[in-house]
Amino acid sequence: MYRQKGLLDDITAYIKKNLKKGYTQESLRWALINQGYSKIEVEKAIKLADEEFAQEAPILKTKPEIKYEVVEPKHEAKKSFWKRLFGR
C-alpha cells in the first residue's frame, strides 16, 4: 500500500538528521514545539525516529567481554602543617 509522505514523516526525518548531528532529543523537542508543532505530533515523531534507529542498529553476534581489575589506592603519608610550612 502506498503511503503519502506527510507531516509526521517530515518531522521524523528532521529529528533523525539532527540526532545524527549530535543534538539531543530534548533540544529538538523544544525547538519543534517553539516552531509551532503540537506536542503530540513531536512526541509521535520522536518515538517513530527511535523505532527506525532501533531497526538500523546492528545486532551484536558476540557478547562483550567484561574484565575486572582491582586497583589499590596509593596512600602517601601526609606531612604535618608545620613540616610543610618550614620544609622539614
PDB file of N, CA and C in Angstrom:
ATOM      1  N   MET A   1       0.843  -1.171   0.000  1.00  0.00           N
ATOM      2  CA  MET A   1       0.000   0.000   0.000  1.00  0.00           C
ATOM      3  C   MET A   1       0.891   1.237   0.000  1.00  0.00           C
ATOM      4  N   TYR A   2       0.599   2.177  -0.854  1.00  0.00           N
ATOM      5  CA  TYR A   2       1.368   3.410  -0.970  1.00  0.00           C
ATOM      6  C   TYR A   2       0.928   4.377   0.119  1.00  0.00           C
ATOM      7  N   ARG A   3       1.939   4.895   0.840  1.00  0.00           N
ATOM      8  CA  ARG A   3       1.644   5.846   1.908  1.00  0.00           C
ATOM      9  C   ARG A   3       2.184   7.213   1.515  1.00  0.00           C
ATOM     10  N   GLN A   4       1.328   8.181   1.511  1.00  0.00           N
ATOM     11  CA  GLN A   4       1.735   9.527   1.117  1.00  0.00           C
ATOM     12  C   GLN A   4       2.584  10.147   2.225  1.00  0.00           C
ATOM     13  N   LYS A   5       3.685  10.779   1.808  1.00  0.00           N
ATOM     14  CA  LYS A   5       4.582  11.389   2.774  1.00  0.00           C
ATOM     15  C   LYS A   5       3.861  12.562   3.431  1.00  0.00           C
ATOM     16  N   GLY A   6       3.811  12.529   4.749  1.00  0.00           N
ATOM     17  CA  GLY A   6       3.068  13.554   5.456  1.00  0.00           C
ATOM     18  C   GLY A   6       3.935  14.340   6.423  1.00  0.00           C
ATOM     19  N   LEU A   7       3.259  15.104   7.227  1.00  0.00           N
ATOM     20  CA  LEU A   7       3.922  15.969   8.188  1.00  0.00           C
ATOM     21  C   LEU A   7       4.725  15.163   9.196  1.00  0.00           C
ATOM     22  N   LEU A   8       4.181  14.045   9.664  1.00  0.00           N
ATOM     23  CA  LEU A   8       4.871  13.215  10.645  1.00  0.00           C
ATOM     24  C   LEU A   8       6.182  12.678  10.078  1.00  0.00           C
ATOM     25  N   ASP A   9       6.179  12.293   8.812  1.00  0.00           N
ATOM     26  CA  ASP A   9       7.396  11.802   8.176  1.00  0.00           C
ATOM     27  C   ASP A   9       8.442  12.907   8.046  1.00  0.00           C
ATOM     28  N   ASP A  10       7.994  14.124   7.757  1.00  0.00           N
ATOM     29  CA  ASP A  10       8.924  15.251   7.649  1.00  0.00           C
ATOM     30  C   ASP A  10       9.571  15.556   9.000  1.00  0.00           C
ATOM     31  N   ILE A  11       8.763  15.560  10.053  1.00  0.00           N
ATOM     32  CA  ILE A  11       9.298  15.834  11.390  1.00  0.00           C
ATOM     33  C   ILE A  11      10.250  14.721  11.804  1.00  0.00           C
ATOM     34  N   THR A  12       9.899  13.472  11.501  1.00  0.00           N
ATOM     35  CA  THR A  12      10.752  12.340  11.844  1.00  0.00           C
ATOM     36  C   THR A  12      12.095  12.430  11.123  1.00  0.00           C
ATOM     37  N   ALA A  13      12.068  12.778   9.854  1.00  0.00           N
ATOM     38  CA  ALA A  13      13.314  12.922   9.095  1.00  0.00           C
ATOM     39  C   ALA A  13      14.169  14.044   9.669  1.00  0.00           C
ATOM     40  N   TYR A  14      13.532  15.139  10.053  1.00  0.00           N
ATOM     41  CA  TYR A  14      14.249  16.263  10.668  1.00  0.00           C
ATOM     42  C   TYR A  14      14.916  15.836  11.975  1.00  0.00           C
ATOM     43  N   ILE A  15      14.176  15.094  12.788  1.00  0.00           N
ATOM     44  CA  ILE A  15      14.708  14.633  14.077  1.00  0.00           C
ATOM     45  C   ILE A  15      15.882  13.682  13.862  1.00  0.00           C
ATOM     46  N   LYS A  16      15.732  12.723  12.949  1.00  0.00           N
ATOM     47  CA  LYS A  16      16.809  11.757  12.697  1.00  0.00           C
ATOM     48  C   LYS A  16      18.066  12.455  12.188  1.00  0.00           C
ATOM     49  N   LYS A  17      17.893  13.398  11.274  1.00  0.00           N
ATOM     50  CA  LYS A  17      19.037  14.118  10.706  1.00  0.00           C
ATOM     51  C   LYS A  17      19.789  14.887  11.794  1.00  0.00           C
ATOM     52  N   ASN A  18      19.061  15.544  12.683  1.00  0.00           N
ATOM     53  CA  ASN A  18      19.696  16.353  13.708  1.00  0.00           C
ATOM     54  C   ASN A  18      20.226  15.524  14.878  1.00  0.00           C
ATOM     55  N   LEU A  19      19.633  14.363  15.136  1.00  0.00           N
ATOM     56  CA  LEU A  19      20.205  13.468  16.143  1.00  0.00           C
ATOM     57  C   LEU A  19      21.558  12.948  15.678  1.00  0.00           C
ATOM     58  N   LYS A  20      21.679  12.669  14.378  1.00  0.00           N
ATOM     59  CA  LYS A  20      22.956  12.222  13.827  1.00  0.00           C
ATOM     60  C   LYS A  20      24.013  13.316  13.919  1.00  0.00           C
ATOM     61  N   LYS A  21      23.567  14.575  13.874  1.00  0.00           N
ATOM     62  CA  LYS A  21      24.499  15.701  14.004  1.00  0.00           C
ATOM     63  C   LYS A  21      24.953  15.902  15.444  1.00  0.00           C
ATOM     64  N   GLY A  22      24.230  15.323  16.412  1.00  0.00           N
ATOM     65  CA  GLY A  22      24.646  15.418  17.806  1.00  0.00           C
ATOM     66  C   GLY A  22      23.707  16.191  18.711  1.00  0.00           C
ATOM     67  N   TYR A  23      22.590  16.671  18.176  1.00  0.00           N
ATOM     68  CA  TYR A  23      21.630  17.369  19.024  1.00  0.00           C
ATOM     69  C   TYR A  23      20.911  16.369  19.920  1.00  0.00           C
ATOM     70  N   THR A  24      20.418  16.831  21.060  1.00  0.00           N
ATOM     71  CA  THR A  24      19.689  15.946  21.964  1.00  0.00           C
ATOM     72  C   THR A  24      18.212  15.930  21.595  1.00  0.00           C
ATOM     73  N   GLN A  25      17.540  14.881  22.022  1.00  0.00           N
ATOM     74  CA  GLN A  25      16.099  14.785  21.758  1.00  0.00           C
ATOM     75  C   GLN A  25      15.361  15.932  22.434  1.00  0.00           C
ATOM     76  N   GLU A  26      15.794  16.264  23.636  1.00  0.00           N
ATOM     77  CA  GLU A  26      15.118  17.326  24.385  1.00  0.00           C
ATOM     78  C   GLU A  26      15.219  18.666  23.661  1.00  0.00           C
ATOM     79  N   SER A  27      16.399  18.987  23.141  1.00  0.00           N
ATOM     80  CA  SER A  27      16.564  20.265  22.442  1.00  0.00           C
ATOM     81  C   SER A  27      15.742  20.285  21.150  1.00  0.00           C
ATOM     82  N   LEU A  28      15.701  19.158  20.447  1.00  0.00           N
ATOM     83  CA  LEU A  28      14.892  19.090  19.222  1.00  0.00           C
ATOM     84  C   LEU A  28      13.402  19.170  19.540  1.00  0.00           C
ATOM     85  N   ARG A  29      13.015  18.539  20.634  1.00  0.00           N
ATOM     86  CA  ARG A  29      11.609  18.558  21.043  1.00  0.00           C
ATOM     87  C   ARG A  29      11.150  20.009  21.247  1.00  0.00           C
ATOM     88  N   TRP A  30      11.918  20.772  22.018  1.00  0.00           N
ATOM     89  CA  TRP A  30      11.503  22.142  22.317  1.00  0.00           C
ATOM     90  C   TRP A  30      11.663  23.066  21.118  1.00  0.00           C
ATOM     91  N   ALA A  31      12.628  22.803  20.257  1.00  0.00           N
ATOM     92  CA  ALA A  31      12.781  23.608  19.049  1.00  0.00           C
ATOM     93  C   ALA A  31      11.554  23.446  18.149  1.00  0.00           C
ATOM     94  N   LEU A  32      11.095  22.210  17.997  1.00  0.00           N
ATOM     95  CA  LEU A  32       9.916  21.963  17.155  1.00  0.00           C
ATOM     96  C   LEU A  32       8.648  22.539  17.770  1.00  0.00           C
ATOM     97  N   ILE A  33       8.507  22.401  19.082  1.00  0.00           N
ATOM     98  CA  ILE A  33       7.321  22.948  19.754  1.00  0.00           C
ATOM     99  C   ILE A  33       7.315  24.473  19.644  1.00  0.00           C
ATOM    100  N   ASN A  34       8.486  25.091  19.794  1.00  0.00           N
ATOM    101  CA  ASN A  34       8.561  26.552  19.666  1.00  0.00           C
ATOM    102  C   ASN A  34       8.315  27.019  18.237  1.00  0.00           C
ATOM    103  N   GLN A  35       8.510  26.138  17.262  1.00  0.00           N
ATOM    104  CA  GLN A  35       8.234  26.490  15.870  1.00  0.00           C
ATOM    105  C   GLN A  35       6.754  26.344  15.523  1.00  0.00           C
ATOM    106  N   GLY A  36       5.968  25.816  16.465  1.00  0.00           N
ATOM    107  CA  GLY A  36       4.521  25.751  16.248  1.00  0.00           C
ATOM    108  C   GLY A  36       3.946  24.365  16.065  1.00  0.00           C
ATOM    109  N   TYR A  37       4.775  23.333  16.115  1.00  0.00           N
ATOM    110  CA  TYR A  37       4.251  21.968  16.002  1.00  0.00           C
ATOM    111  C   TYR A  37       3.640  21.558  17.335  1.00  0.00           C
ATOM    112  N   SER A  38       2.611  20.722  17.289  1.00  0.00           N
ATOM    113  CA  SER A  38       1.963  20.304  18.531  1.00  0.00           C
ATOM    114  C   SER A  38       2.840  19.286  19.260  1.00  0.00           C
ATOM    115  N   LYS A  39       2.665  19.220  20.569  1.00  0.00           N
ATOM    116  CA  LYS A  39       3.448  18.294  21.385  1.00  0.00           C
ATOM    117  C   LYS A  39       3.181  16.846  20.982  1.00  0.00           C
ATOM    118  N   ILE A  40       1.948  16.553  20.634  1.00  0.00           N
ATOM    119  CA  ILE A  40       1.577  15.188  20.264  1.00  0.00           C
ATOM    120  C   ILE A  40       2.291  14.769  18.981  1.00  0.00           C
ATOM    121  N   GLU A  41       2.301  15.664  17.977  1.00  0.00           N
ATOM    122  CA  GLU A  41       2.995  15.356  16.724  1.00  0.00           C
ATOM    123  C   GLU A  41       4.485  15.129  16.971  1.00  0.00           C
ATOM    124  N   VAL A  42       5.081  16.000  17.783  1.00  0.00           N
ATOM    125  CA  VAL A  42       6.519  15.911  18.057  1.00  0.00           C
ATOM    126  C   VAL A  42       6.841  14.613  18.805  1.00  0.00           C
ATOM    127  N   GLU A  43       6.029  14.258  19.791  1.00  0.00           N
ATOM    128  CA  GLU A  43       6.260  13.028  20.554  1.00  0.00           C
ATOM    129  C   GLU A  43       6.128  11.792  19.664  1.00  0.00           C
ATOM    130  N   LYS A  44       5.135  11.794  18.778  1.00  0.00           N
ATOM    131  CA  LYS A  44       4.968  10.674  17.848  1.00  0.00           C
ATOM    132  C   LYS A  44       6.176  10.560  16.920  1.00  0.00           C
ATOM    133  N   ALA A  45       6.665  11.703  16.437  1.00  0.00           N
ATOM    134  CA  ALA A  45       7.812  11.703  15.531  1.00  0.00           C
ATOM    135  C   ALA A  45       9.073  11.216  16.242  1.00  0.00           C
ATOM    136  N   ILE A  46       9.266  11.619  17.496  1.00  0.00           N
ATOM    137  CA  ILE A  46      10.435  11.163  18.259  1.00  0.00           C
ATOM    138  C   ILE A  46      10.356   9.656  18.478  1.00  0.00           C
ATOM    139  N   LYS A  47       9.176   9.160  18.812  1.00  0.00           N
ATOM    140  CA  LYS A  47       9.000   7.718  19.011  1.00  0.00           C
ATOM    141  C   LYS A  47       9.273   6.957  17.714  1.00  0.00           C
ATOM    142  N   LEU A  48       8.782   7.484  16.602  1.00  0.00           N
ATOM    143  CA  LEU A  48       8.997   6.852  15.305  1.00  0.00           C
ATOM    144  C   LEU A  48      10.486   6.864  14.928  1.00  0.00           C
ATOM    145  N   ALA A  49      11.173   7.980  15.206  1.00  0.00           N
ATOM    146  CA  ALA A  49      12.612   8.071  14.919  1.00  0.00           C
ATOM    147  C   ALA A  49      13.389   7.056  15.760  1.00  0.00           C
ATOM    148  N   ASP A  50      13.005   6.906  17.032  1.00  0.00           N
ATOM    149  CA  ASP A  50      13.659   5.907  17.890  1.00  0.00           C
ATOM    150  C   ASP A  50      13.470   4.497  17.338  1.00  0.00           C
ATOM    151  N   GLU A  51      12.259   4.198  16.878  1.00  0.00           N
ATOM    152  CA  GLU A  51      11.987   2.873  16.328  1.00  0.00           C
ATOM    153  C   GLU A  51      12.803   2.626  15.056  1.00  0.00           C
ATOM    154  N   GLU A  52      12.923   3.649  14.219  1.00  0.00           N
ATOM    155  CA  GLU A  52      13.703   3.490  12.984  1.00  0.00           C
ATOM    156  C   GLU A  52      15.190   3.324  13.285  1.00  0.00           C
ATOM    157  N   PHE A  53      15.691   4.063  14.275  1.00  0.00           N
ATOM    158  CA  PHE A  53      17.089   3.895  14.682  1.00  0.00           C
ATOM    159  C   PHE A  53      17.322   2.496  15.246  1.00  0.00           C
ATOM    160  N   ALA A  54      16.338   1.976  15.981  1.00  0.00           N
ATOM    161  CA  ALA A  54      16.476   0.635  16.561  1.00  0.00           C
ATOM    162  C   ALA A  54      16.524  -0.429  15.466  1.00  0.00           C
ATOM    163  N   GLN A  55      15.784  -0.239  14.394  1.00  0.00           N
ATOM    164  CA  GLN A  55      15.807  -1.200  13.293  1.00  0.00           C
ATOM    165  C   GLN A  55      17.125  -1.150  12.540  1.00  0.00           C
ATOM    166  N   GLU A  56      17.748   0.042  12.472  1.00  0.00           N
ATOM    167  CA  GLU A  56      19.009   0.200  11.756  1.00  0.00           C
ATOM    168  C   GLU A  56      20.214  -0.276  12.563  1.00  0.00           C
ATOM    169  N   ALA A  57      20.055  -0.401  13.867  1.00  0.00           N
ATOM    170  CA  ALA A  57      21.175  -0.759  14.728  1.00  0.00           C
ATOM    171  C   ALA A  57      21.645  -2.180  14.432  1.00  0.00           C
ATOM    172  N   PRO A  58      22.957  -2.392  14.400  1.00  0.00           N
ATOM    173  CA  PRO A  58      23.457  -3.742  14.134  1.00  0.00           C
ATOM    174  C   PRO A  58      23.225  -4.659  15.335  1.00  0.00           C
ATOM    175  N   ILE A  59      23.038  -5.926  15.045  1.00  0.00           N
ATOM    176  CA  ILE A  59      22.834  -6.918  16.095  1.00  0.00           C
ATOM    177  C   ILE A  59      24.194  -7.503  16.452  1.00  0.00           C
ATOM    178  N   LEU A  60      24.521  -7.474  17.739  1.00  0.00           N
ATOM    179  CA  LEU A  60      25.807  -7.999  18.190  1.00  0.00           C
ATOM    180  C   LEU A  60      25.774  -9.516  18.155  1.00  0.00           C
ATOM    181  N   LYS A  61      26.762 -10.109  17.511  1.00  0.00           N
ATOM    182  CA  LYS A  61      26.823 -11.560  17.407  1.00  0.00           C
ATOM    183  C   LYS A  61      27.597 -12.180  18.557  1.00  0.00           C
ATOM    184  N   THR A  62      28.495 -11.407  19.146  1.00  0.00           N
ATOM    185  CA  THR A  62      29.267 -11.912  20.277  1.00  0.00           C
ATOM    186  C   THR A  62      28.966 -11.060  21.501  1.00  0.00           C
ATOM    187  N   LYS A  63      29.059 -11.695  22.643  1.00  0.00           N
ATOM    188  CA  LYS A  63      28.824 -10.966  23.876  1.00  0.00           C
ATOM    189  C   LYS A  63      30.087 -10.187  24.233  1.00  0.00           C
ATOM    190  N   PRO A  64      29.921  -9.001  24.772  1.00  0.00           N
ATOM    191  CA  PRO A  64      31.105  -8.241  25.168  1.00  0.00           C
ATOM    192  C   PRO A  64      31.805  -8.918  26.344  1.00  0.00           C
ATOM    193  N   GLU A  65      33.109  -8.794  26.365  1.00  0.00           N
ATOM    194  CA  GLU A  65      33.903  -9.409  27.420  1.00  0.00           C
ATOM    195  C   GLU A  65      34.150  -8.374  28.508  1.00  0.00           C
ATOM    196  N   ILE A  66      33.769  -8.715  29.720  1.00  0.00           N
ATOM    197  CA  ILE A  66      33.923  -7.791  30.842  1.00  0.00           C
ATOM    198  C   ILE A  66      35.120  -8.231  31.665  1.00  0.00           C
ATOM    199  N   LYS A  67      36.042  -7.306  31.870  1.00  0.00           N
ATOM    200  CA  LYS A  67      37.235  -7.600  32.654  1.00  0.00           C
ATOM    201  C   LYS A  67      37.188  -6.796  33.939  1.00  0.00           C
ATOM    202  N   TYR A  68      37.546  -7.457  35.032  1.00  0.00           N
ATOM    203  CA  TYR A  68      37.577  -6.811  36.327  1.00  0.00           C
ATOM    204  C   TYR A  68      39.022  -6.659  36.769  1.00  0.00           C
ATOM    205  N   GLU A  69      39.347  -5.502  37.312  1.00  0.00           N
ATOM    206  CA  GLU A  69      40.692  -5.260  37.793  1.00  0.00           C
ATOM    207  C   GLU A  69      40.585  -4.483  39.100  1.00  0.00           C
ATOM    208  N   VAL A  70      41.265  -5.010  40.128  1.00  0.00           N
ATOM    209  CA  VAL A  70      41.257  -4.347  41.420  1.00  0.00           C
ATOM    210  C   VAL A  70      42.424  -3.374  41.458  1.00  0.00           C
ATOM    211  N   VAL A  71      42.118  -2.139  41.738  1.00  0.00           N
ATOM    212  CA  VAL A  71      43.146  -1.108  41.790  1.00  0.00           C
ATOM    213  C   VAL A  71      43.296  -0.673  43.235  1.00  0.00           C
ATOM    214  N   GLU A  72      44.491  -0.846  43.759  1.00  0.00           N
ATOM    215  CA  GLU A  72      44.764  -0.459  45.138  1.00  0.00           C
ATOM    216  C   GLU A  72      45.081   1.034  45.186  1.00  0.00           C
ATOM    217  N   PRO A  73      44.440   1.754  46.069  1.00  0.00           N
ATOM    218  CA  PRO A  73      44.747   3.184  46.170  1.00  0.00           C
ATOM    219  C   PRO A  73      46.110   3.397  46.814  1.00  0.00           C
ATOM    220  N   LYS A  74      46.801   4.419  46.352  1.00  0.00           N
ATOM    221  CA  LYS A  74      48.113   4.737  46.912  1.00  0.00           C
ATOM    222  C   LYS A  74      47.925   5.733  48.038  1.00  0.00           C
ATOM    223  N   HIS A  75      48.445   5.355  49.212  1.00  0.00           N
ATOM    224  CA  HIS A  75      48.362   6.251  50.370  1.00  0.00           C
ATOM    225  C   HIS A  75      49.752   6.800  50.659  1.00  0.00           C
ATOM    226  N   GLU A  76      49.862   8.090  50.620  1.00  0.00           N
ATOM    227  CA  GLU A  76      51.115   8.722  50.967  1.00  0.00           C
ATOM    228  C   GLU A  76      50.949   9.359  52.329  1.00  0.00           C
ATOM    229  N   ALA A  77      52.004   9.283  53.116  1.00  0.00           N
ATOM    230  CA  ALA A  77      51.955   9.886  54.436  1.00  0.00           C
ATOM    231  C   ALA A  77      51.902  11.404  54.277  1.00  0.00           C
ATOM    232  N   LYS A  78      50.938  11.999  54.913  1.00  0.00           N
ATOM    233  CA  LYS A  78      50.797  13.444  54.827  1.00  0.00           C
ATOM    234  C   LYS A  78      51.768  14.111  55.786  1.00  0.00           C
ATOM    235  N   LYS A  79      52.371  15.185  55.306  1.00  0.00           N
ATOM    236  CA  LYS A  79      53.236  15.963  56.179  1.00  0.00           C
ATOM    237  C   LYS A  79      52.358  16.857  57.035  1.00  0.00           C
ATOM    238  N   SER A  80      52.831  17.100  58.226  1.00  0.00           N
ATOM    239  CA  SER A  80      52.078  17.990  59.088  1.00  0.00           C
ATOM    240  C   SER A  80      52.172  19.416  58.549  1.00  0.00           C
ATOM    241  N   PHE A  81      51.314  20.241  59.057  1.00  0.00           N
ATOM    242  CA  PHE A  81      51.275  21.634  58.623  1.00  0.00           C
ATOM    243  C   PHE A  81      52.620  22.316  58.858  1.00  0.00           C
ATOM    244  N   TRP A  82      53.217  22.067  60.007  1.00  0.00           N
ATOM    245  CA  TRP A  82      54.473  22.753  60.352  1.00  0.00           C
ATOM    246  C   TRP A  82      55.624  22.269  59.475  1.00  0.00           C
ATOM    247  N   LYS A  83      55.631  20.982  59.110  1.00  0.00           N
ATOM    248  CA  LYS A  83      56.698  20.474  58.250  1.00  0.00           C
ATOM    249  C   LYS A  83      56.544  21.038  56.835  1.00  0.00           C
ATOM    250  N   ARG A  84      55.312  21.177  56.382  1.00  0.00           N
ATOM    251  CA  ARG A  84      55.117  21.766  55.072  1.00  0.00           C
ATOM    252  C   ARG A  84      55.479  23.244  55.060  1.00  0.00           C
ATOM    253  N   LEU A  85      55.180  23.912  56.184  1.00  0.00           N
ATOM    254  CA  LEU A  85      55.438  25.346  56.268  1.00  0.00           C
ATOM    255  C   LEU A  85      56.932  25.647  56.321  1.00  0.00           C
ATOM    256  N   PHE A  86      57.678  24.864  57.137  1.00  0.00           N
ATOM    257  CA  PHE A  86      59.099  25.135  57.304  1.00  0.00           C
ATOM    258  C   PHE A  86      59.994  24.208  56.480  1.00  0.00           C
ATOM    259  N   GLY A  87      59.411  23.278  55.735  1.00  0.00           N
ATOM    260  CA  GLY A  87      60.168  22.445  54.812  1.00  0.00           C
ATOM    261  C   GLY A  87      61.004  21.353  55.453  1.00  0.00           C
ATOM    262  N   ARG A  88      60.662  20.887  56.580  1.00  0.00           N
ATOM    263  CA  ARG A  88      61.416  19.808  57.225  1.00  0.00           C
ATOM    264  C   ARG A  88      60.865  18.464  56.903  1.00  0.00           C
TER     265      ARG A  88
END
